[in-house]
C-alpha cells in the first residue's frame, strides 16, 4: 500500500500503515519537499515522484490530498489497477464521484471512503441496535486550524454526520432546511441543518470550524430509548423506557484508534473483494446530500440578504 498526500491526515495514514504487520508500506507521494523529507526520515518510507510511479508498486493506496484533487488522483490509481481508500469527502462534486464509481466498476476495483466515524468504536457499538429513531441530533464543532479550506464546512465537517444520518437511519431525505454563515473564510464556516426523512423522522445537525471548543456528539431518540454518543471520547450513554421506568442501557465500547480500524477494514475488503462499510456509493450519497444542503443555505442567504 501507499499514500498520496501526507498532510495532517495523510501522515496519520502513513504512520499506521507502517505499524500494520500485514501491510507492506511501499511509499508516498507528496509535493511539499519539507513535509516529504520529514516523512521519509521519521517513517522510513520512500518518496515517489508521481502518482503513476507509486501506482506501479502498490495494490492499493490511500488518497489524502486536498478534496479538489481527489478525483484526478483516485482516477489515475483506479485506472492503474489499484484499490483506493479516499479520505472524505469522496470528491468535491457529485459528477466526479459518479465518474470514479463508474471507473471502479469497469475495472473491478474497490473504493472505500474515509467517513471515519462509521469505524469509530462508539458508533459501531450501537449501529446494529438502532431502531425506530424519530429524532437525530449532531454537534460537530472545531477550532479554526486552517486545513481543508478548499471546501466549506459542509464537506469539511458536516459530511460525517450526513453520512451517519443516511447509514444509521436508512431513510431518504425528503426536505432540507438550512442556514450557514461565512466567518473566517469566503466559504460557509458554520451551518445548521434540519433534515426531514421519508418516515417522518427529523435530523438536526450543527457544524462549525470556528468554535472555541471541540465537540463531537450525536444523540438519537426513539419511541422508547435515548442514546448519546461522544465520538471524540468514544463514550456511549443510553437509557430505555421499560414498564414506565427509565433504565440505563449497558453499551460496552472497546476504545481504539478509528483510523486504524478504518484501514484494517479496507485491507479486509481488498483481500476478500467485498463491499466496504462506506462504499463509493455511500460517499456519493453524502456529497449529493451536502449539495442539497448547500442549495438550501444559498436560498436562505438570498431570502435574508438586505435589499
C-alpha atoms as a PDB file:
ATOM      1  CA  UNK A   1       0.000   0.000   0.000  1.00  0.00           C
ATOM      2  CA  UNK A   2       0.963   3.611  -0.493  1.00  0.00           C
ATOM      3  CA  UNK A   3      -0.265   7.089   0.412  1.00  0.00           C
ATOM      4  CA  UNK A   4      -0.835  10.086  -1.838  1.00  0.00           C
ATOM      5  CA  UNK A   5      -0.791  13.320   0.147  1.00  0.00           C
ATOM      6  CA  UNK A   6       0.897  13.405   3.547  1.00  0.00           C
ATOM      7  CA  UNK A   7      -0.574  16.444   5.225  1.00  0.00           C
ATOM      8  CA  UNK A   8      -2.219  16.036   8.627  1.00  0.00           C
ATOM      9  CA  UNK A   9      -4.412  13.017   7.813  1.00  0.00           C
ATOM     10  CA  UNK A  10      -2.106  11.519   5.219  1.00  0.00           C
ATOM     11  CA  UNK A  11       0.731  11.428   7.721  1.00  0.00           C
ATOM     12  CA  UNK A  12      -1.512   9.554  10.174  1.00  0.00           C
ATOM     13  CA  UNK A  13      -2.413   7.037   7.479  1.00  0.00           C
ATOM     14  CA  UNK A  14       1.250   6.571   6.589  1.00  0.00           C
ATOM     15  CA  UNK A  15       2.232   6.052  10.225  1.00  0.00           C
ATOM     16  CA  UNK A  16      -0.498   3.456  10.823  1.00  0.00           C
ATOM     17  CA  UNK A  17       0.376   1.564   7.636  1.00  0.00           C
ATOM     18  CA  UNK A  18       3.984   1.227   8.828  1.00  0.00           C
ATOM     19  CA  UNK A  19       2.666  -0.281  12.077  1.00  0.00           C
ATOM     20  CA  UNK A  20       0.421  -2.885  10.429  1.00  0.00           C
ATOM     21  CA  UNK A  21       2.321  -6.187  10.108  1.00  0.00           C
ATOM     22  CA  UNK A  22       0.003  -7.433   7.365  1.00  0.00           C
ATOM     23  CA  UNK A  23       0.829  -4.460   5.120  1.00  0.00           C
ATOM     24  CA  UNK A  24       3.946  -3.510   3.225  1.00  0.00           C
ATOM     25  CA  UNK A  25       4.007   0.290   3.300  1.00  0.00           C
ATOM     26  CA  UNK A  26       5.725   0.965  -0.031  1.00  0.00           C
ATOM     27  CA  UNK A  27       5.919   4.736  -0.034  1.00  0.00           C
ATOM     28  CA  UNK A  28       4.186   8.034  -0.628  1.00  0.00           C
ATOM     29  CA  UNK A  29       3.696  10.978  -2.966  1.00  0.00           C
ATOM     30  CA  UNK A  30       3.966  14.483  -1.526  1.00  0.00           C
ATOM     31  CA  UNK A  31       4.616  17.743  -3.428  1.00  0.00           C
ATOM     32  CA  UNK A  32       5.971  19.648  -0.413  1.00  0.00           C
ATOM     33  CA  UNK A  33       9.707  18.960  -0.065  1.00  0.00           C
ATOM     34  CA  UNK A  34       9.902  19.778   3.650  1.00  0.00           C
ATOM     35  CA  UNK A  35       6.957  17.539   4.540  1.00  0.00           C
ATOM     36  CA  UNK A  36       8.293  14.772   2.324  1.00  0.00           C
ATOM     37  CA  UNK A  37      11.740  14.912   3.921  1.00  0.00           C
ATOM     38  CA  UNK A  38      10.176  14.664   7.378  1.00  0.00           C
ATOM     39  CA  UNK A  39       8.011  11.668   6.404  1.00  0.00           C
ATOM     40  CA  UNK A  40      10.932   9.883   4.770  1.00  0.00           C
ATOM     41  CA  UNK A  41      13.195  10.447   7.777  1.00  0.00           C
ATOM     42  CA  UNK A  42      10.724   9.592  10.526  1.00  0.00           C
ATOM     43  CA  UNK A  43       8.673   6.815   8.917  1.00  0.00           C
ATOM     44  CA  UNK A  44      11.449   5.431   6.701  1.00  0.00           C
ATOM     45  CA  UNK A  45       9.216   5.499   3.639  1.00  0.00           C
ATOM     46  CA  UNK A  46      10.258   6.090   0.041  1.00  0.00           C
ATOM     47  CA  UNK A  47       9.065   9.215  -1.687  1.00  0.00           C
ATOM     48  CA  UNK A  48       7.800   8.633  -5.221  1.00  0.00           C
ATOM     49  CA  UNK A  49       7.929  11.463  -7.770  1.00  0.00           C
ATOM     50  CA  UNK A  50       4.407  10.892  -9.097  1.00  0.00           C
ATOM     51  CA  UNK A  51       1.153   9.008  -8.613  1.00  0.00           C
ATOM     52  CA  UNK A  52       1.959   6.986 -11.724  1.00  0.00           C
ATOM     53  CA  UNK A  53       5.283   5.844 -10.255  1.00  0.00           C
ATOM     54  CA  UNK A  54       3.682   4.825  -6.961  1.00  0.00           C
ATOM     55  CA  UNK A  55       0.806   3.030  -8.726  1.00  0.00           C
ATOM     56  CA  UNK A  56       3.281   0.671 -10.409  1.00  0.00           C
ATOM     57  CA  UNK A  57       4.430  -0.589  -6.995  1.00  0.00           C
ATOM     58  CA  UNK A  58       1.226  -0.985  -4.966  1.00  0.00           C
ATOM     59  CA  UNK A  59      -2.002  -2.981  -4.867  1.00  0.00           C
ATOM     60  CA  UNK A  60      -3.897  -0.229  -3.048  1.00  0.00           C
ATOM     61  CA  UNK A  61      -3.445   3.351  -1.917  1.00  0.00           C
ATOM     62  CA  UNK A  62      -4.839   5.980   0.408  1.00  0.00           C
ATOM     63  CA  UNK A  63      -5.811   9.286  -1.211  1.00  0.00           C
ATOM     64  CA  UNK A  64      -5.349  12.044   1.374  1.00  0.00           C
ATOM     65  CA  UNK A  65      -4.812  15.043  -0.867  1.00  0.00           C
ATOM     66  CA  UNK A  66      -6.909  18.223  -0.678  1.00  0.00           C
ATOM     67  CA  UNK A  67     -10.505  17.410  -1.682  1.00  0.00           C
ATOM     68  CA  UNK A  68     -10.274  19.229  -5.000  1.00  0.00           C
ATOM     69  CA  UNK A  69      -7.553  16.763  -6.081  1.00  0.00           C
ATOM     70  CA  UNK A  70      -9.351  13.574  -5.010  1.00  0.00           C
ATOM     71  CA  UNK A  71     -10.870  12.904  -8.418  1.00  0.00           C
ATOM     72  CA  UNK A  72      -7.722  13.166 -10.536  1.00  0.00           C
ATOM     73  CA  UNK A  73      -5.557  11.200  -8.093  1.00  0.00           C
ATOM     74  CA  UNK A  74      -8.111   8.424  -7.475  1.00  0.00           C
ATOM     75  CA  UNK A  75      -8.894   8.188 -11.199  1.00  0.00           C
ATOM     76  CA  UNK A  76      -5.236   7.642 -12.005  1.00  0.00           C
ATOM     77  CA  UNK A  77      -4.881   4.980  -9.303  1.00  0.00           C
ATOM     78  CA  UNK A  78      -8.060   3.132 -10.316  1.00  0.00           C
ATOM     79  CA  UNK A  79      -7.077   3.144 -13.991  1.00  0.00           C
ATOM     80  CA  UNK A  80      -3.693   1.714 -12.959  1.00  0.00           C
ATOM     81  CA  UNK A  81      -5.449  -1.211 -11.265  1.00  0.00           C
ATOM     82  CA  UNK A  82      -5.264  -0.044  -7.639  1.00  0.00           C
ATOM     83  CA  UNK A  83      -7.980  -0.204  -4.996  1.00  0.00           C
ATOM     84  CA  UNK A  84      -8.367   3.132  -3.221  1.00  0.00           C
ATOM     85  CA  UNK A  85      -9.285   4.449   0.203  1.00  0.00           C
ATOM     86  CA  UNK A  86     -10.284   8.067  -0.404  1.00  0.00           C
ATOM     87  CA  UNK A  87     -10.446  10.457   2.508  1.00  0.00           C
ATOM     88  CA  UNK A  88     -13.829  12.105   2.951  1.00  0.00           C
ATOM     89  CA  UNK A  89     -15.496  13.568   1.018  1.00  0.00           C
ATOM     90  CA  UNK A  90     -15.081  11.216  -1.912  1.00  0.00           C
ATOM     91  CA  UNK A  91     -14.828  14.192  -4.296  1.00  0.00           C
ATOM     92  CA  UNK A  92     -15.723  17.865  -4.414  1.00  0.00           C
ATOM     93  CA  UNK A  93     -18.603  17.328  -6.844  1.00  0.00           C
ATOM     94  CA  UNK A  94     -21.359  14.816  -7.478  1.00  0.00           C
ATOM     95  CA  UNK A  95     -20.301  14.314 -11.101  1.00  0.00           C
ATOM     96  CA  UNK A  96     -16.722  13.459 -10.110  1.00  0.00           C
ATOM     97  CA  UNK A  97     -17.946  10.887  -7.574  1.00  0.00           C
ATOM     98  CA  UNK A  98     -20.176   9.224 -10.155  1.00  0.00           C
ATOM     99  CA  UNK A  99     -17.311   9.058 -12.637  1.00  0.00           C
ATOM    100  CA  UNK A 100     -14.981   7.440 -10.088  1.00  0.00           C
ATOM    101  CA  UNK A 101     -17.617   4.843  -9.203  1.00  0.00           C
ATOM    102  CA  UNK A 102     -18.014   4.061 -12.890  1.00  0.00           C
ATOM    103  CA  UNK A 103     -14.271   3.624 -13.380  1.00  0.00           C
ATOM    104  CA  UNK A 104     -14.044   1.358 -10.328  1.00  0.00           C
ATOM    105  CA  UNK A 105     -16.905  -0.793 -11.612  1.00  0.00           C
ATOM    106  CA  UNK A 106     -15.347  -1.123 -15.061  1.00  0.00           C
ATOM    107  CA  UNK A 107     -12.056  -2.286 -13.594  1.00  0.00           C
ATOM    108  CA  UNK A 108     -13.475  -4.316 -10.681  1.00  0.00           C
ATOM    109  CA  UNK A 109     -11.663  -2.090  -8.188  1.00  0.00           C
ATOM    110  CA  UNK A 110     -12.735  -1.146  -4.656  1.00  0.00           C
ATOM    111  CA  UNK A 111     -13.446   2.366  -3.430  1.00  0.00           C
ATOM    112  CA  UNK A 112     -13.722   2.950   0.295  1.00  0.00           C
ATOM    113  CA  UNK A 113     -14.466   6.461   1.550  1.00  0.00           C
ATOM    114  CA  UNK A 114     -12.908   7.774   4.746  1.00  0.00           C
ATOM    115  CA  UNK A 115     -16.009   8.623   6.754  1.00  0.00           C
ATOM    116  CA  UNK A 116     -14.058   7.577   9.811  1.00  0.00           C
ATOM    117  CA  UNK A 117     -16.968   7.954  12.263  1.00  0.00           C
ATOM    118  CA  UNK A 118     -18.526   4.793  10.806  1.00  0.00           C
ATOM    119  CA  UNK A 119     -15.457   2.961  12.126  1.00  0.00           C
ATOM    120  CA  UNK A 120     -15.449   4.744  15.488  1.00  0.00           C
ATOM    121  CA  UNK A 121     -15.900   2.128  18.258  1.00  0.00           C
ATOM    122  CA  UNK A 122     -18.605   4.254  19.908  1.00  0.00           C
ATOM    123  CA  UNK A 123     -20.645   4.217  16.689  1.00  0.00           C
ATOM    124  CA  UNK A 124     -20.053   0.577  15.809  1.00  0.00           C
ATOM    125  CA  UNK A 125     -21.073  -0.406  19.355  1.00  0.00           C
ATOM    126  CA  UNK A 126     -24.599   0.895  18.782  1.00  0.00           C
ATOM    127  CA  UNK A 127     -25.052   0.737  14.979  1.00  0.00           C
ATOM    128  CA  UNK A 128     -26.710  -2.682  14.975  1.00  0.00           C
ATOM    129  CA  UNK A 129     -29.046  -1.816  17.877  1.00  0.00           C
ATOM    130  CA  UNK A 130     -30.541   1.387  16.466  1.00  0.00           C
ATOM    131  CA  UNK A 131     -34.274   1.077  15.836  1.00  0.00           C
ATOM    132  CA  UNK A 132     -37.119   3.486  15.026  1.00  0.00           C
ATOM    133  CA  UNK A 133     -35.135   6.717  15.504  1.00  0.00           C
ATOM    134  CA  UNK A 134     -37.525   9.666  15.479  1.00  0.00           C
ATOM    135  CA  UNK A 135     -35.046  12.470  16.189  1.00  0.00           C
ATOM    136  CA  UNK A 136     -31.324  12.609  15.386  1.00  0.00           C
ATOM    137  CA  UNK A 137     -29.125  15.413  16.663  1.00  0.00           C
ATOM    138  CA  UNK A 138     -25.441  16.027  15.941  1.00  0.00           C
ATOM    139  CA  UNK A 139     -22.963  18.686  17.032  1.00  0.00           C
ATOM    140  CA  UNK A 140     -19.611  18.793  15.287  1.00  0.00           C
ATOM    141  CA  UNK A 141     -17.642  21.818  16.411  1.00  0.00           C
ATOM    142  CA  UNK A 142     -13.969  22.527  15.855  1.00  0.00           C
ATOM    143  CA  UNK A 143     -11.498  25.344  16.313  1.00  0.00           C
ATOM    144  CA  UNK A 144     -10.130  27.077  13.236  1.00  0.00           C
ATOM    145  CA  UNK A 145      -6.975  25.260  12.113  1.00  0.00           C
ATOM    146  CA  UNK A 146      -6.528  26.404   8.533  1.00  0.00           C
ATOM    147  CA  UNK A 147      -6.932  22.937   6.973  1.00  0.00           C
ATOM    148  CA  UNK A 148      -9.413  21.878   4.273  1.00  0.00           C
ATOM    149  CA  UNK A 149     -10.139  25.460   3.302  1.00  0.00           C
ATOM    150  CA  UNK A 150     -10.611  24.396  -0.308  1.00  0.00           C
ATOM    151  CA  UNK A 151     -14.123  23.308   0.727  1.00  0.00           C
ATOM    152  CA  UNK A 152     -16.861  24.662   3.007  1.00  0.00           C
ATOM    153  CA  UNK A 153     -17.792  23.311   6.430  1.00  0.00           C
ATOM    154  CA  UNK A 154     -20.365  21.003   4.832  1.00  0.00           C
ATOM    155  CA  UNK A 155     -17.718  18.968   3.005  1.00  0.00           C
ATOM    156  CA  UNK A 156     -15.119  19.532   5.713  1.00  0.00           C
ATOM    157  CA  UNK A 157     -17.050  18.530   8.875  1.00  0.00           C
ATOM    158  CA  UNK A 158     -20.799  18.070   8.425  1.00  0.00           C
ATOM    159  CA  UNK A 159     -20.239  15.430   5.739  1.00  0.00           C
ATOM    160  CA  UNK A 160     -19.516  12.971   8.591  1.00  0.00           C
ATOM    161  CA  UNK A 161     -22.957  13.474  10.118  1.00  0.00           C
ATOM    162  CA  UNK A 162     -24.751  13.490   6.773  1.00  0.00           C
ATOM    163  CA  UNK A 163     -23.261  10.034   6.209  1.00  0.00           C
ATOM    164  CA  UNK A 164     -24.310   8.930   9.705  1.00  0.00           C
ATOM    165  CA  UNK A 165     -27.899  10.047   9.092  1.00  0.00           C
ATOM    166  CA  UNK A 166     -28.090   8.140   5.822  1.00  0.00           C
ATOM    167  CA  UNK A 167     -26.336   4.998   7.042  1.00  0.00           C
ATOM    168  CA  UNK A 168     -27.750   4.673  10.563  1.00  0.00           C
ATOM    169  CA  UNK A 169     -31.329   5.735   9.861  1.00  0.00           C
ATOM    170  CA  UNK A 170     -31.623   4.125   6.418  1.00  0.00           C
ATOM    171  CA  UNK A 171     -34.134   6.645   5.096  1.00  0.00           C
ATOM    172  CA  UNK A 172     -34.177   9.037   2.168  1.00  0.00           C
ATOM    173  CA  UNK A 173     -34.247  12.775   2.851  1.00  0.00           C
ATOM    174  CA  UNK A 174     -37.446  14.467   1.662  1.00  0.00           C
ATOM    175  CA  UNK A 175     -36.903  18.023   2.911  1.00  0.00           C
ATOM    176  CA  UNK A 176     -33.863  20.175   3.674  1.00  0.00           C
ATOM    177  CA  UNK A 177     -33.826  23.468   5.602  1.00  0.00           C
ATOM    178  CA  UNK A 178     -30.503  25.129   6.353  1.00  0.00           C
ATOM    179  CA  UNK A 179     -28.682  28.306   7.280  1.00  0.00           C
ATOM    180  CA  UNK A 180     -24.977  28.973   7.006  1.00  0.00           C
ATOM    181  CA  UNK A 181     -22.510  31.771   7.640  1.00  0.00           C
ATOM    182  CA  UNK A 182     -19.017  32.547   6.297  1.00  0.00           C
ATOM    183  CA  UNK A 183     -16.932  33.711   9.266  1.00  0.00           C
ATOM    184  CA  UNK A 184     -13.178  33.471   8.696  1.00  0.00           C
ATOM    185  CA  UNK A 185     -13.150  32.360   5.063  1.00  0.00           C
ATOM    186  CA  UNK A 186     -15.096  33.149   1.901  1.00  0.00           C
ATOM    187  CA  UNK A 187     -16.963  29.846   2.294  1.00  0.00           C
ATOM    188  CA  UNK A 188     -19.583  28.744   4.824  1.00  0.00           C
ATOM    189  CA  UNK A 189     -17.783  28.061   8.121  1.00  0.00           C
ATOM    190  CA  UNK A 190     -20.820  27.443  10.348  1.00  0.00           C
ATOM    191  CA  UNK A 191     -24.059  25.738   9.415  1.00  0.00           C
ATOM    192  CA  UNK A 192     -27.257  24.408  10.957  1.00  0.00           C
ATOM    193  CA  UNK A 193     -29.385  21.944   9.011  1.00  0.00           C
ATOM    194  CA  UNK A 194     -32.796  20.381   9.534  1.00  0.00           C
ATOM    195  CA  UNK A 195     -33.478  17.236   7.527  1.00  0.00           C
ATOM    196  CA  UNK A 196     -36.867  15.548   7.289  1.00  0.00           C
ATOM    197  CA  UNK A 197     -36.715  11.861   6.398  1.00  0.00           C
ATOM    198  CA  UNK A 198     -39.192   9.767   4.447  1.00  0.00           C
ATOM    199  CA  UNK A 199     -40.546   8.086   7.591  1.00  0.00           C
ATOM    200  CA  UNK A 200     -41.173  11.434   9.323  1.00  0.00           C
ATOM    201  CA  UNK A 201     -38.030  11.405  11.458  1.00  0.00           C
ATOM    202  CA  UNK A 202     -36.050  14.625  11.804  1.00  0.00           C
ATOM    203  CA  UNK A 203     -32.296  15.209  11.943  1.00  0.00           C
ATOM    204  CA  UNK A 204     -30.856  18.453  13.272  1.00  0.00           C
ATOM    205  CA  UNK A 205     -27.162  18.971  12.518  1.00  0.00           C
ATOM    206  CA  UNK A 206     -24.778  21.745  13.528  1.00  0.00           C
ATOM    207  CA  UNK A 207     -21.223  22.054  12.253  1.00  0.00           C
ATOM    208  CA  UNK A 208     -18.666  24.785  12.872  1.00  0.00           C
ATOM    209  CA  UNK A 209     -14.970  25.116  12.208  1.00  0.00           C
ATOM    210  CA  UNK A 210     -14.729  28.418  14.085  1.00  0.00           C
ATOM    211  CA  UNK A 211     -15.726  27.290  17.570  1.00  0.00           C
ATOM    212  CA  UNK A 212     -13.733  27.773  20.774  1.00  0.00           C
ATOM    213  CA  UNK A 213     -14.270  24.130  21.713  1.00  0.00           C
ATOM    214  CA  UNK A 214     -14.040  20.740  20.023  1.00  0.00           C
ATOM    215  CA  UNK A 215     -17.305  18.826  20.243  1.00  0.00           C
ATOM    216  CA  UNK A 216     -18.229  15.546  18.540  1.00  0.00           C
ATOM    217  CA  UNK A 217     -21.618  14.397  19.811  1.00  0.00           C
ATOM    218  CA  UNK A 218     -24.550  12.503  18.326  1.00  0.00           C
ATOM    219  CA  UNK A 219     -27.886  11.885  20.056  1.00  0.00           C
ATOM    220  CA  UNK A 220     -30.611   9.521  18.910  1.00  0.00           C
ATOM    221  CA  UNK A 221     -34.147   9.489  20.268  1.00  0.00           C
ATOM    222  CA  UNK A 222     -36.638   6.703  19.560  1.00  0.00           C
ATOM    223  CA  UNK A 223     -40.085   5.991  20.986  1.00  0.00           C
ATOM    224  CA  UNK A 224     -38.616   4.135  23.964  1.00  0.00           C
ATOM    225  CA  UNK A 225     -34.903   4.918  24.151  1.00  0.00           C
ATOM    226  CA  UNK A 226     -32.233   7.603  24.096  1.00  0.00           C
ATOM    227  CA  UNK A 227     -28.616   7.101  23.067  1.00  0.00           C
ATOM    228  CA  UNK A 228     -25.865   9.709  23.358  1.00  0.00           C
ATOM    229  CA  UNK A 229     -22.579   9.112  21.522  1.00  0.00           C
ATOM    230  CA  UNK A 230     -19.396  11.094  22.107  1.00  0.00           C
ATOM    231  CA  UNK A 231     -17.184  10.080  19.205  1.00  0.00           C
ATOM    232  CA  UNK A 232     -14.264  12.171  20.414  1.00  0.00           C
ATOM    233  CA  UNK A 233     -14.046  10.383  23.776  1.00  0.00           C
ATOM    234  CA  UNK A 234     -15.539   7.135  22.383  1.00  0.00           C
ATOM    235  CA  UNK A 235     -18.240   7.013  25.052  1.00  0.00           C
ATOM    236  CA  UNK A 236     -21.879   5.941  24.847  1.00  0.00           C
ATOM    237  CA  UNK A 237     -24.703   6.578  27.280  1.00  0.00           C
ATOM    238  CA  UNK A 238     -28.143   5.142  26.798  1.00  0.00           C
ATOM    239  CA  UNK A 239     -31.498   4.847  28.521  1.00  0.00           C
ATOM    240  CA  UNK A 240     -34.591   2.808  27.751  1.00  0.00           C
ATOM    241  CA  UNK A 241     -38.175   3.049  28.945  1.00  0.00           C
ATOM    242  CA  UNK A 242     -39.296  -0.272  30.444  1.00  0.00           C
ATOM    243  CA  UNK A 243     -42.695  -0.528  32.169  1.00  0.00           C
ATOM    244  CA  UNK A 244     -42.752   3.257  32.611  1.00  0.00           C
ATOM    245  CA  UNK A 245     -39.366   3.128  34.276  1.00  0.00           C
ATOM    246  CA  UNK A 246     -36.196   4.654  32.829  1.00  0.00           C
ATOM    247  CA  UNK A 247     -33.390   2.126  32.890  1.00  0.00           C
ATOM    248  CA  UNK A 248     -29.777   2.564  31.758  1.00  0.00           C
ATOM    249  CA  UNK A 249     -28.609   0.708  28.684  1.00  0.00           C
ATOM    250  CA  UNK A 250     -25.412  -1.257  29.092  1.00  0.00           C
ATOM    251  CA  UNK A 251     -23.353  -0.499  25.982  1.00  0.00           C
ATOM    252  CA  UNK A 252     -19.731  -1.616  26.023  1.00  0.00           C
ATOM    253  CA  UNK A 253     -17.223   0.302  23.915  1.00  0.00           C
ATOM    254  CA  UNK A 254     -13.770  -1.119  23.229  1.00  0.00           C
ATOM    255  CA  UNK A 255     -11.742   2.017  22.597  1.00  0.00           C
ATOM    256  CA  UNK A 256      -9.265   2.007  19.725  1.00  0.00           C
ATOM    257  CA  UNK A 257      -7.935   4.316  17.035  1.00  0.00           C
ATOM    258  CA  UNK A 258     -10.750   4.796  14.482  1.00  0.00           C
ATOM    259  CA  UNK A 259      -8.341   5.468  11.629  1.00  0.00           C
ATOM    260  CA  UNK A 260      -6.610   2.155  12.272  1.00  0.00           C
ATOM    261  CA  UNK A 261      -9.970   0.355  12.324  1.00  0.00           C
ATOM    262  CA  UNK A 262     -10.817   2.055   9.034  1.00  0.00           C
ATOM    263  CA  UNK A 263      -7.572   0.938   7.387  1.00  0.00           C
ATOM    264  CA  UNK A 264      -7.899  -2.605   8.736  1.00  0.00           C
ATOM    265  CA  UNK A 265     -11.415  -2.758   7.324  1.00  0.00           C
ATOM    266  CA  UNK A 266     -10.154  -1.503   3.956  1.00  0.00           C
ATOM    267  CA  UNK A 267      -7.442  -4.142   3.942  1.00  0.00           C
ATOM    268  CA  UNK A 268     -10.056  -6.829   4.597  1.00  0.00           C
ATOM    269  CA  UNK A 269     -12.156  -5.549   1.706  1.00  0.00           C
ATOM    270  CA  UNK A 270      -9.164  -5.579  -0.628  1.00  0.00           C
ATOM    271  CA  UNK A 271      -8.234  -9.136   0.308  1.00  0.00           C
ATOM    272  CA  UNK A 272     -11.759 -10.550   0.319  1.00  0.00           C
ATOM    273  CA  UNK A 273     -13.096  -8.379  -2.536  1.00  0.00           C
ATOM    274  CA  UNK A 274     -16.108  -7.294  -0.512  1.00  0.00           C
ATOM    275  CA  UNK A 275     -18.069  -4.048  -0.274  1.00  0.00           C
ATOM    276  CA  UNK A 276     -16.700  -1.579   2.299  1.00  0.00           C
ATOM    277  CA  UNK A 277     -18.765  -0.303   5.220  1.00  0.00           C
ATOM    278  CA  UNK A 278     -18.563   3.088   3.486  1.00  0.00           C
ATOM    279  CA  UNK A 279     -18.506   2.409  -0.249  1.00  0.00           C
ATOM    280  CA  UNK A 280     -18.076   4.796  -3.133  1.00  0.00           C
ATOM    281  CA  UNK A 281     -21.861   4.879  -3.484  1.00  0.00           C
ATOM    282  CA  UNK A 282     -22.182   5.850   0.182  1.00  0.00           C
ATOM    283  CA  UNK A 283     -19.651   8.617  -0.342  1.00  0.00           C
ATOM    284  CA  UNK A 284     -21.617   9.810  -3.365  1.00  0.00           C
ATOM    285  CA  UNK A 285     -24.872   9.879  -1.371  1.00  0.00           C
ATOM    286  CA  UNK A 286     -23.220  12.054   1.290  1.00  0.00           C
ATOM    287  CA  UNK A 287     -21.916  14.520  -1.296  1.00  0.00           C
ATOM    288  CA  UNK A 288     -25.319  14.638  -3.016  1.00  0.00           C
ATOM    289  CA  UNK A 289     -26.965  15.483   0.297  1.00  0.00           C
ATOM    290  CA  UNK A 290     -24.271  18.059   1.080  1.00  0.00           C
ATOM    291  CA  UNK A 291     -25.008  19.752  -2.247  1.00  0.00           C
ATOM    292  CA  UNK A 292     -28.716  19.857  -1.367  1.00  0.00           C
ATOM    293  CA  UNK A 293     -27.820  21.441   1.959  1.00  0.00           C
ATOM    294  CA  UNK A 294     -25.599  23.964   0.184  1.00  0.00           C
ATOM    295  CA  UNK A 295     -28.524  24.867  -2.057  1.00  0.00           C
ATOM    296  CA  UNK A 296     -30.768  25.397   0.967  1.00  0.00           C
ATOM    297  CA  UNK A 297     -28.140  27.651   2.548  1.00  0.00           C
ATOM    298  CA  UNK A 298     -27.875  29.702  -0.640  1.00  0.00           C
ATOM    299  CA  UNK A 299     -31.646  30.055  -0.680  1.00  0.00           C
ATOM    300  CA  UNK A 300     -31.680  31.234   2.939  1.00  0.00           C
ATOM    301  CA  UNK A 301     -28.948  33.766   2.157  1.00  0.00           C
ATOM    302  CA  UNK A 302     -30.953  35.165  -0.752  1.00  0.00           C
ATOM    303  CA  UNK A 303     -34.067  35.348   1.399  1.00  0.00           C
ATOM    304  CA  UNK A 304     -32.439  37.296   4.209  1.00  0.00           C
ATOM    305  CA  UNK A 305     -29.949  39.339   2.221  1.00  0.00           C
ATOM    306  CA  UNK A 306     -30.583  43.066   2.858  1.00  0.00           C
ATOM    307  CA  UNK A 307     -32.038  44.842  -0.141  1.00  0.00           C
END
